Amino acid sequence: MGALEEEPRRLEGGDGKSRCLSCGLPTDRVATPEHDWVLLEPGMEPLAHKVPAEYRWIVLSDGRVTVYGVCPPDPFQRCRIEHRLACPAQPLPDLWPWLTSLRGENERRAERQTEPELPETWPEVG
């Protein structure tokens, strides 16, 4: 990113969506203040106090995200988590029970994604 850009660049049509190379599920690719990118789990915004400080990503007013290590955080503050923590294709320790459930659900979603689609109409039996 150049020094004159006011907003972080977005990928793939401006929506910041991409797919995980490990599991194939959609992720949100978001810029950081350090001009790096991080893949975040889409649609997941847990309360910040439920996530260890080093794993909390807070959305800044310009759309970028940063790790939020304030302890204790505001009890109503929401945060984002990296997709790698919820990715079913990456071996990780059981950091939190709700994350283990999310990883299991993502594994089922990834499996359904590769299953053949059923026909819209069934042949008539006559």
C-alpha atoms as a PDB file:
ATOM      1  CA  MET A   1       0.000   0.000   0.000  1.00  0.00           C
ATOM      2  CA  GLY A   2       1.247   3.436  -0.810  1.00  0.00           C
ATOM      3  CA  ALA A   3       1.597   6.190   1.741  1.00  0.00           C
ATOM      4  CA  LEU A   4      -1.046   8.299  -0.043  1.00  0.00           C
ATOM      5  CA  GLU A   5      -3.814   5.700   0.086  1.00  0.00           C
ATOM      6  CA  GLU A   6      -6.567   6.634   2.517  1.00  0.00           C
ATOM      7  CA  GLU A   7      -8.292   3.233   2.752  1.00  0.00           C
ATOM      8  CA  PRO A   8      -6.902  -0.299   2.831  1.00  0.00           C
ATOM      9  CA  ARG A   9      -7.008  -2.018  -0.542  1.00  0.00           C
ATOM     10  CA  ARG A  10      -9.666  -4.672  -0.975  1.00  0.00           C
ATOM     11  CA  LEU A  11      -9.314  -7.823  -3.054  1.00  0.00           C
ATOM     12  CA  GLU A  12     -11.574  -9.681  -5.466  1.00  0.00           C
ATOM     13  CA  GLY A  13     -14.175  -7.101  -6.402  1.00  0.00           C
ATOM     14  CA  GLY A  14     -13.738  -4.950  -3.311  1.00  0.00           C
ATOM     15  CA  ASP A  15     -15.443  -7.263  -0.835  1.00  0.00           C
ATOM     16  CA  GLY A  16     -12.251  -8.618   0.847  1.00  0.00           C
ATOM     17  CA  LYS A  17     -13.381 -12.239   0.412  1.00  0.00           C
ATOM     18  CA  SER A  18     -10.967 -15.067  -0.317  1.00  0.00           C
ATOM     19  CA  ARG A  19     -10.767 -18.805   0.320  1.00  0.00           C
ATOM     20  CA  CYS A  20      -8.563 -20.669   2.773  1.00  0.00           C
ATOM     21  CA  LEU A  21      -5.867 -22.620   0.942  1.00  0.00           C
ATOM     22  CA  SER A  22      -6.086 -25.397   3.549  1.00  0.00           C
ATOM     23  CA  CYS A  23      -9.851 -26.095   3.778  1.00  0.00           C
ATOM     24  CA  GLY A  24     -11.359 -24.114   0.890  1.00  0.00           C
ATOM     25  CA  LEU A  25     -13.867 -22.251   3.063  1.00  0.00           C
ATOM     26  CA  PRO A  26     -14.450 -18.506   2.608  1.00  0.00           C
ATOM     27  CA  THR A  27     -12.440 -16.073   4.738  1.00  0.00           C
ATOM     28  CA  ASP A  28     -12.328 -12.300   5.152  1.00  0.00           C
ATOM     29  CA  ARG A  29      -8.930 -10.939   4.076  1.00  0.00           C
ATOM     30  CA  VAL A  30      -8.407  -7.692   5.992  1.00  0.00           C
ATOM     31  CA  ALA A  31      -5.525  -5.210   6.143  1.00  0.00           C
ATOM     32  CA  THR A  32      -3.640  -4.379   9.341  1.00  0.00           C
ATOM     33  CA  PRO A  33      -2.062  -1.032  10.322  1.00  0.00           C
ATOM     34  CA  GLU A  34       1.332  -2.629   9.573  1.00  0.00           C
ATOM     35  CA  HIS A  35       0.314  -3.026   5.886  1.00  0.00           C
ATOM     36  CA  ASP A  36      -0.031  -6.802   6.236  1.00  0.00           C
ATOM     37  CA  TRP A  37      -3.116  -8.946   5.665  1.00  0.00           C
ATOM     38  CA  VAL A  38      -4.868 -11.349   8.007  1.00  0.00           C
ATOM     39  CA  LEU A  39      -7.498 -13.978   7.155  1.00  0.00           C
ATOM     40  CA  LEU A  40     -10.415 -13.694   9.586  1.00  0.00           C
ATOM     41  CA  GLU A  41     -13.291 -16.085  10.213  1.00  0.00           C
ATOM     42  CA  PRO A  42     -16.350 -14.567   8.468  1.00  0.00           C
ATOM     43  CA  GLY A  43     -19.449 -13.848  10.522  1.00  0.00           C
ATOM     44  CA  MET A  44     -17.727 -14.618  13.834  1.00  0.00           C
ATOM     45  CA  GLU A  45     -17.599 -11.734  16.329  1.00  0.00           C
ATOM     46  CA  PRO A  46     -17.341 -13.148  19.861  1.00  0.00           C
ATOM     47  CA  LEU A  47     -17.234 -10.976  22.957  1.00  0.00           C
ATOM     48  CA  ALA A  48     -13.620  -9.879  23.383  1.00  0.00           C
ATOM     49  CA  HIS A  49     -13.382 -11.017  27.008  1.00  0.00           C
ATOM     50  CA  LYS A  50     -14.059 -14.607  25.819  1.00  0.00           C
ATOM     51  CA  VAL A  51     -10.938 -14.559  23.606  1.00  0.00           C
ATOM     52  CA  PRO A  52      -7.351 -14.483  24.957  1.00  0.00           C
ATOM     53  CA  ALA A  53      -5.745 -11.065  24.406  1.00  0.00           C
ATOM     54  CA  GLU A  54      -3.203 -12.214  21.815  1.00  0.00           C
ATOM     55  CA  TYR A  55      -6.004 -13.599  19.567  1.00  0.00           C
ATOM     56  CA  ARG A  56      -8.415 -10.603  19.600  1.00  0.00           C
ATOM     57  CA  TRP A  57      -8.631  -8.664  16.359  1.00  0.00           C
ATOM     58  CA  ILE A  58     -10.534  -5.377  16.693  1.00  0.00           C
ATOM     59  CA  VAL A  59     -11.898  -3.570  13.635  1.00  0.00           C
ATOM     60  CA  LEU A  60     -10.620   0.011  13.455  1.00  0.00           C
ATOM     61  CA  SER A  61     -12.674   2.925  12.122  1.00  0.00           C
ATOM     62  CA  ASP A  62     -10.926   2.730   8.717  1.00  0.00           C
ATOM     63  CA  GLY A  63     -11.723  -0.979   8.262  1.00  0.00           C
ATOM     64  CA  ARG A  64      -8.288  -2.325   9.172  1.00  0.00           C
ATOM     65  CA  VAL A  65      -7.872  -4.676  12.139  1.00  0.00           C
ATOM     66  CA  THR A  66      -5.369  -4.822  14.965  1.00  0.00           C
ATOM     67  CA  VAL A  67      -4.641  -7.194  17.832  1.00  0.00           C
ATOM     68  CA  TYR A  68      -6.357  -5.884  20.955  1.00  0.00           C
ATOM     69  CA  GLY A  69      -4.422  -6.844  24.063  1.00  0.00           C
ATOM     70  CA  VAL A  70      -6.224  -4.659  26.619  1.00  0.00           C
ATOM     71  CA  CYS A  71      -7.067  -6.694  29.726  1.00  0.00           C
ATOM     72  CA  PRO A  72      -9.790  -6.775  30.776  1.00  0.00           C
ATOM     73  CA  PRO A  73     -11.590  -5.514  27.677  1.00  0.00           C
ATOM     74  CA  ASP A  74     -14.884  -3.689  27.766  1.00  0.00           C
ATOM     75  CA  PRO A  75     -17.514  -6.383  28.561  1.00  0.00           C
ATOM     76  CA  PHE A  76     -19.514  -5.456  25.436  1.00  0.00           C
ATOM     77  CA  GLN A  77     -16.535  -5.172  23.030  1.00  0.00           C
ATOM     78  CA  ARG A  78     -16.711  -7.572  20.072  1.00  0.00           C
ATOM     79  CA  CYS A  79     -13.678  -8.910  18.253  1.00  0.00           C
ATOM     80  CA  ARG A  80     -12.735 -11.057  15.264  1.00  0.00           C
ATOM     81  CA  ILE A  81     -10.609 -14.217  15.239  1.00  0.00           C
ATOM     82  CA  GLU A  82      -8.196 -15.528  12.641  1.00  0.00           C
ATOM     83  CA  HIS A  83      -9.571 -18.230  10.376  1.00  0.00           C
ATOM     84  CA  ARG A  84      -6.545 -20.446  11.154  1.00  0.00           C
ATOM     85  CA  LEU A  85      -7.958 -20.913  14.663  1.00  0.00           C
ATOM     86  CA  ALA A  86     -11.244 -22.248  13.255  1.00  0.00           C
ATOM     87  CA  CYS A  87      -9.816 -24.008  10.179  1.00  0.00           C
ATOM     88  CA  PRO A  88     -10.690 -27.715  10.226  1.00  0.00           C
ATOM     89  CA  ALA A  89      -7.649 -28.549   8.092  1.00  0.00           C
ATOM     90  CA  GLN A  90      -5.078 -27.223  10.565  1.00  0.00           C
ATOM     91  CA  PRO A  91      -4.152 -29.093  13.759  1.00  0.00           C
ATOM     92  CA  LEU A  92      -4.471 -26.811  16.756  1.00  0.00           C
ATOM     93  CA  PRO A  93      -4.867 -27.328  20.493  1.00  0.00           C
ATOM     94  CA  ASP A  94      -8.281 -26.932  22.096  1.00  0.00           C
ATOM     95  CA  LEU A  95      -7.949 -23.236  22.980  1.00  0.00           C
ATOM     96  CA  TRP A  96     -11.589 -22.729  23.967  1.00  0.00           C
ATOM     97  CA  PRO A  97     -14.611 -25.109  23.962  1.00  0.00           C
ATOM     98  CA  TRP A  98     -16.652 -22.849  21.653  1.00  0.00           C
ATOM     99  CA  LEU A  99     -13.759 -22.789  19.173  1.00  0.00           C
ATOM    100  CA  THR A 100     -13.653 -26.601  19.124  1.00  0.00           C
ATOM    101  CA  SER A 101     -17.368 -26.558  18.240  1.00  0.00           C
ATOM    102  CA  LEU A 102     -16.748 -23.992  15.481  1.00  0.00           C
ATOM    103  CA  ARG A 103     -13.912 -26.109  14.038  1.00  0.00           C
ATOM    104  CA  GLY A 104     -16.217 -29.150  14.002  1.00  0.00           C
ATOM    105  CA  GLU A 105     -18.958 -27.213  12.222  1.00  0.00           C
ATOM    106  CA  ASN A 106     -16.458 -25.870   9.670  1.00  0.00           C
ATOM    107  CA  GLU A 107     -15.229 -29.407   9.030  1.00  0.00           C
ATOM    108  CA  ARG A 108     -18.810 -30.499   8.266  1.00  0.00           C
ATOM    109  CA  ARG A 109     -19.307 -27.441   6.020  1.00  0.00           C
ATOM    110  CA  ALA A 110     -16.103 -28.222   4.110  1.00  0.00           C
ATOM    111  CA  GLU A 111     -17.236 -31.835   3.612  1.00  0.00           C
ATOM    112  CA  ARG A 112     -20.666 -30.728   2.346  1.00  0.00           C
ATOM    113  CA  GLN A 113     -18.956 -28.351  -0.048  1.00  0.00           C
ATOM    114  CA  THR A 114     -17.294 -31.298  -1.825  1.00  0.00           C
ATOM    115  CA  GLU A 115     -20.364 -33.571  -1.894  1.00  0.00           C
ATOM    116  CA  PRO A 116     -22.184 -33.806  -5.245  1.00  0.00           C
ATOM    117  CA  GLU A 117     -25.321 -31.717  -5.455  1.00  0.00           C
ATOM    118  CA  LEU A 118     -28.681 -33.452  -5.526  1.00  0.00           C
ATOM    119  CA  PRO A 119     -30.880 -32.852  -8.577  1.00  0.00           C
ATOM    120  CA  GLU A 120     -33.512 -30.156  -8.167  1.00  0.00           C
ATOM    121  CA  THR A 121     -36.286 -32.526  -9.293  1.00  0.00           C
ATOM    122  CA  TRP A 122     -36.585 -36.233  -8.773  1.00  0.00           C
ATOM    123  CA  PRO A 123     -37.497 -38.516 -11.678  1.00  0.00           C
ATOM    124  CA  GLU A 124     -41.126 -39.603 -11.670  1.00  0.00           C
ATOM    125  CA  VAL A 125     -41.747 -43.184 -10.722  1.00  0.00           C
ATOM    126  CA  GLY A 126     -44.401 -44.660 -12.897  1.00  0.00           C
END
